Amino acid sequence: MVPREIIDITQELFSCKVYPGDPSPVRTTVLSTANGDVCNLTSFQMCAHNGTHIDAPFHFLGDGKTVDQMGLAPFVGDCYVSRFEGDLKGPDAQAILKKASDAGADKRILIAGNMTVTAEAAKVFADAEIILIGNESQTVGPIDTPMEVHLILLEKEITLLEGIVLTDVEEGKYFLSCAPLNLGGCDGAPCRAYLIKE
């Protein structure tokens, strides 16, 4: 049996980064054994886009697929992790796709670093027909004007995996699992994202 390294790339939910204006997660203790209750029981309230999460096309497209309509295929499979800092432009996206293709993992792209996907780069990824793009920010496009980049990608049904943690992850090919909660009718959902390295 070949040993495998499992790398958690998910934020802890209650201490997670939150997109400006979104509500933060709130945890409430309903029952507590310390108070003499029969068990410990927690309830929580959150935004579908808190922490590590996916965006469904319905997030920006009124007739787009909701989370429960997306299936699981985009969220599980080979991926390529790249590193980049700053505004990712068209030639940068092409360079990442070339490295991913050479590694045999050009359908799911994760980009580490303090990086923003520009509209130019989004068009390169959309034309390449990738099925998922992931990033460490809480939004894939510019934080103050995210709509254009989201529309370019979501109109092609490219899944967006946002808020991942790739600080100590090296560039290269991995197996990704980031299946979201099955939230019927919703525009996004939290997920537990992890990489497997052979």
Protein backbone atom coordinates (compact mmCIF):
# COMPACT_ATOMS: atom_id res chain seq x y z
CA MET A 1 0.00 0.00 0.00
CA VAL A 2 1.42 3.37 -1.04
CA PRO A 3 1.39 5.82 1.92
CA ARG A 4 -0.84 8.85 1.44
CA GLU A 5 -0.63 12.28 2.99
CA ILE A 6 -3.98 13.93 3.71
CA ILE A 7 -3.82 17.73 3.83
CA ASP A 8 -6.73 19.65 5.30
CA ILE A 9 -7.22 22.91 3.39
CA THR A 10 -10.37 24.02 5.24
CA GLN A 11 -10.76 27.01 7.56
CA GLU A 12 -12.14 26.40 11.04
CA LEU A 13 -15.67 27.76 10.73
CA PHE A 14 -16.17 29.87 13.86
CA SER A 15 -12.84 31.69 13.48
CA CYS A 16 -13.02 31.93 9.68
CA LYS A 17 -12.50 34.90 7.41
CA VAL A 18 -15.78 36.54 6.36
CA TYR A 19 -16.46 38.44 3.14
CA PRO A 20 -17.16 42.12 3.95
CA GLY A 21 -20.85 42.56 4.72
CA ASP A 22 -21.62 38.85 5.16
CA PRO A 23 -22.84 37.70 8.59
CA SER A 24 -20.32 35.79 10.70
CA PRO A 25 -21.05 32.28 11.97
CA VAL A 26 -22.65 32.16 15.42
CA ARG A 27 -22.53 29.10 17.68
CA THR A 28 -25.06 28.51 20.47
CA THR A 29 -24.84 25.86 23.19
CA VAL A 30 -28.29 24.29 23.45
CA LEU A 31 -27.43 21.56 25.97
CA SER A 32 -24.30 21.04 28.08
CA THR A 33 -23.21 18.11 30.25
CA ALA A 34 -21.34 20.67 32.40
CA ASN A 35 -24.77 22.09 33.27
CA GLY A 36 -26.22 18.67 34.03
CA ASP A 37 -27.84 18.06 30.63
CA VAL A 38 -27.92 14.56 29.14
CA CYS A 39 -25.55 15.54 26.29
CA ASN A 40 -23.75 18.39 24.61
CA LEU A 41 -25.77 19.93 21.77
CA THR A 42 -24.81 22.84 19.54
CA SER A 43 -26.82 24.92 17.10
CA PHE A 44 -25.34 27.45 14.72
CA GLN A 45 -26.30 30.15 12.26
CA MET A 46 -24.17 31.10 9.27
CA CYS A 47 -24.01 32.44 5.74
CA ALA A 48 -23.66 29.85 2.97
CA HIS A 49 -20.44 31.61 1.92
CA ASN A 50 -18.65 31.67 5.29
CA GLY A 51 -15.22 30.09 5.59
CA THR A 52 -14.25 27.43 3.04
CA HIS A 53 -17.18 27.13 0.65
CA ILE A 54 -18.28 26.67 -2.93
CA ASP A 55 -20.25 29.01 -5.15
CA ALA A 56 -23.02 27.54 -7.28
CA PRO A 57 -23.98 29.25 -10.56
CA PHE A 58 -27.18 30.47 -8.86
CA HIS A 59 -25.01 32.78 -6.73
CA PHE A 60 -24.93 35.28 -9.62
CA LEU A 61 -27.25 33.74 -12.22
CA GLY A 62 -31.00 33.70 -11.56
CA ASP A 63 -31.45 30.65 -13.78
CA GLY A 64 -28.18 28.96 -12.72
CA LYS A 65 -27.85 25.64 -10.95
CA THR A 66 -28.24 25.54 -7.19
CA VAL A 67 -25.95 23.50 -4.94
CA ASP A 68 -28.20 20.42 -4.97
CA GLN A 69 -28.34 20.46 -8.80
CA MET A 70 -24.57 20.44 -9.32
CA GLY A 71 -23.80 16.77 -8.65
CA LEU A 72 -20.57 15.65 -7.01
CA ALA A 73 -18.27 15.24 -10.02
CA PRO A 74 -16.70 18.74 -9.94
CA PHE A 75 -15.71 18.37 -6.29
CA VAL A 76 -13.77 15.11 -6.37
CA GLY A 77 -10.76 14.30 -8.54
CA ASP A 78 -7.26 15.26 -9.59
CA CYS A 79 -6.25 18.90 -9.22
CA TYR A 80 -3.21 21.08 -9.66
CA VAL A 81 -1.98 23.49 -6.98
CA SER A 82 -0.10 26.55 -8.20
CA ARG A 83 1.23 29.61 -6.37
CA PHE A 84 0.80 33.23 -7.43
CA GLU A 85 0.86 36.69 -5.86
CA GLY A 86 -1.01 39.75 -7.14
CA ASP A 87 -3.40 40.17 -10.06
CA LEU A 88 -3.54 36.99 -12.13
CA LYS A 89 -3.71 37.99 -15.80
CA GLY A 90 -4.25 36.05 -19.03
CA PRO A 91 -0.64 34.93 -19.64
CA ASP A 92 -0.35 33.90 -15.97
CA ALA A 93 -3.47 31.74 -16.29
CA GLN A 94 -2.07 30.17 -19.47
CA ALA A 95 1.20 29.38 -17.69
CA ILE A 96 -0.68 27.72 -14.81
CA LEU A 97 -2.77 25.67 -17.24
CA LYS A 98 0.41 24.53 -19.03
CA LYS A 99 1.95 23.30 -15.76
CA ALA A 100 -1.32 21.63 -14.80
CA SER A 101 -1.59 19.93 -18.18
CA ASP A 102 2.00 18.68 -17.96
CA ALA A 103 1.12 17.19 -14.54
CA GLY A 104 -2.03 15.53 -15.91
CA ALA A 105 -4.41 17.58 -13.77
CA ASP A 106 -5.74 20.51 -15.79
CA LYS A 107 -9.47 20.38 -14.95
CA ARG A 108 -9.31 21.53 -11.32
CA ILE A 109 -6.95 24.41 -10.51
CA LEU A 110 -6.17 25.67 -6.99
CA ILE A 111 -4.14 28.85 -6.65
CA ALA A 112 -2.28 29.64 -3.43
CA GLY A 113 -1.24 33.12 -2.39
CA ASN A 114 -2.59 36.63 -2.07
CA MET A 115 -4.05 36.52 -5.55
CA THR A 116 -6.97 37.98 -7.49
CA VAL A 117 -8.28 36.45 -10.72
CA THR A 118 -8.79 39.19 -13.32
CA ALA A 119 -11.50 39.03 -15.98
CA GLU A 120 -8.78 38.36 -18.56
CA ALA A 121 -7.57 35.31 -16.62
CA ALA A 122 -11.14 34.14 -15.97
CA LYS A 123 -11.75 34.07 -19.73
CA VAL A 124 -8.63 31.93 -20.23
CA PHE A 125 -9.87 29.43 -17.64
CA ALA A 126 -13.39 29.47 -19.10
CA ASP A 127 -12.08 28.86 -22.64
CA ALA A 128 -9.99 25.95 -21.32
CA GLU A 129 -13.18 24.36 -19.96
CA ILE A 130 -11.83 23.67 -16.50
CA ILE A 131 -14.47 22.48 -14.03
CA LEU A 132 -13.23 24.02 -10.76
CA ILE A 133 -11.03 26.88 -9.63
CA GLY A 134 -10.04 27.40 -6.00
CA ASN A 135 -8.39 30.29 -4.16
CA GLU A 136 -7.52 31.44 -0.66
CA SER A 137 -9.53 34.66 -0.73
CA GLN A 138 -13.21 34.74 0.21
CA THR A 139 -13.96 35.69 -3.40
CA VAL A 140 -12.36 34.64 -6.67
CA GLY A 141 -12.48 38.11 -8.27
CA PRO A 142 -11.62 41.57 -6.98
CA ILE A 143 -13.11 41.93 -3.49
CA ASP A 144 -14.74 45.29 -4.29
CA THR A 145 -16.06 44.34 -7.77
CA PRO A 146 -16.48 40.54 -7.90
CA MET A 147 -19.40 40.29 -10.33
CA GLU A 148 -17.62 40.24 -13.73
CA VAL A 149 -15.22 37.43 -12.85
CA HIS A 150 -17.98 35.39 -11.20
CA LEU A 151 -20.20 35.73 -14.26
CA ILE A 152 -17.45 34.67 -16.67
CA LEU A 153 -16.77 31.51 -14.67
CA LEU A 154 -20.25 30.62 -13.42
CA GLU A 155 -21.84 31.03 -16.86
CA LYS A 156 -19.56 28.16 -17.93
CA GLU A 157 -20.61 26.22 -14.79
CA ILE A 158 -17.08 26.34 -13.40
CA THR A 159 -17.30 25.57 -9.70
CA LEU A 160 -15.71 28.16 -7.42
CA LEU A 161 -13.99 26.90 -4.28
CA GLU A 162 -13.23 29.90 -2.09
CA GLY A 163 -11.54 30.41 1.25
CA ILE A 164 -9.19 27.43 1.12
CA VAL A 165 -5.92 27.32 3.10
CA LEU A 166 -2.85 26.48 1.02
CA THR A 167 -0.14 28.12 3.13
CA ASP A 168 2.09 25.06 3.42
CA VAL A 169 1.00 23.22 0.27
CA GLU A 170 3.63 22.77 -2.43
CA GLU A 171 2.88 23.18 -6.12
CA GLY A 172 1.93 20.00 -7.89
CA LYS A 173 -0.72 17.39 -8.57
CA TYR A 174 -3.07 16.23 -5.80
CA PHE A 175 -6.38 14.44 -5.40
CA LEU A 176 -9.05 16.89 -4.21
CA SER A 177 -12.22 16.29 -2.23
CA CYS A 178 -14.40 19.30 -1.39
CA ALA A 179 -18.00 18.11 -1.56
CA PRO A 180 -20.42 20.74 -0.22
CA LEU A 181 -23.34 20.22 2.11
CA ASN A 182 -26.43 19.31 0.08
CA LEU A 183 -28.33 22.55 0.63
CA GLY A 184 -31.42 22.45 -1.56
CA GLY A 185 -32.08 25.63 -3.54
CA CYS A 186 -28.99 27.43 -2.23
CA ASP A 187 -26.42 29.59 -4.03
CA GLY A 188 -23.44 28.22 -2.10
CA ALA A 189 -22.48 25.85 0.68
CA PRO A 190 -19.70 25.20 3.16
CA CYS A 191 -17.47 22.20 2.48
CA ARG A 192 -14.65 20.22 4.09
CA ALA A 193 -11.85 20.47 1.56
CA TYR A 194 -8.76 18.30 1.62
CA LEU A 195 -5.97 17.12 -0.65
CA ILE A 196 -4.44 13.67 -0.91
CA LYS A 197 -0.81 13.40 -1.99
CA GLU A 198 0.41 9.97 -3.10
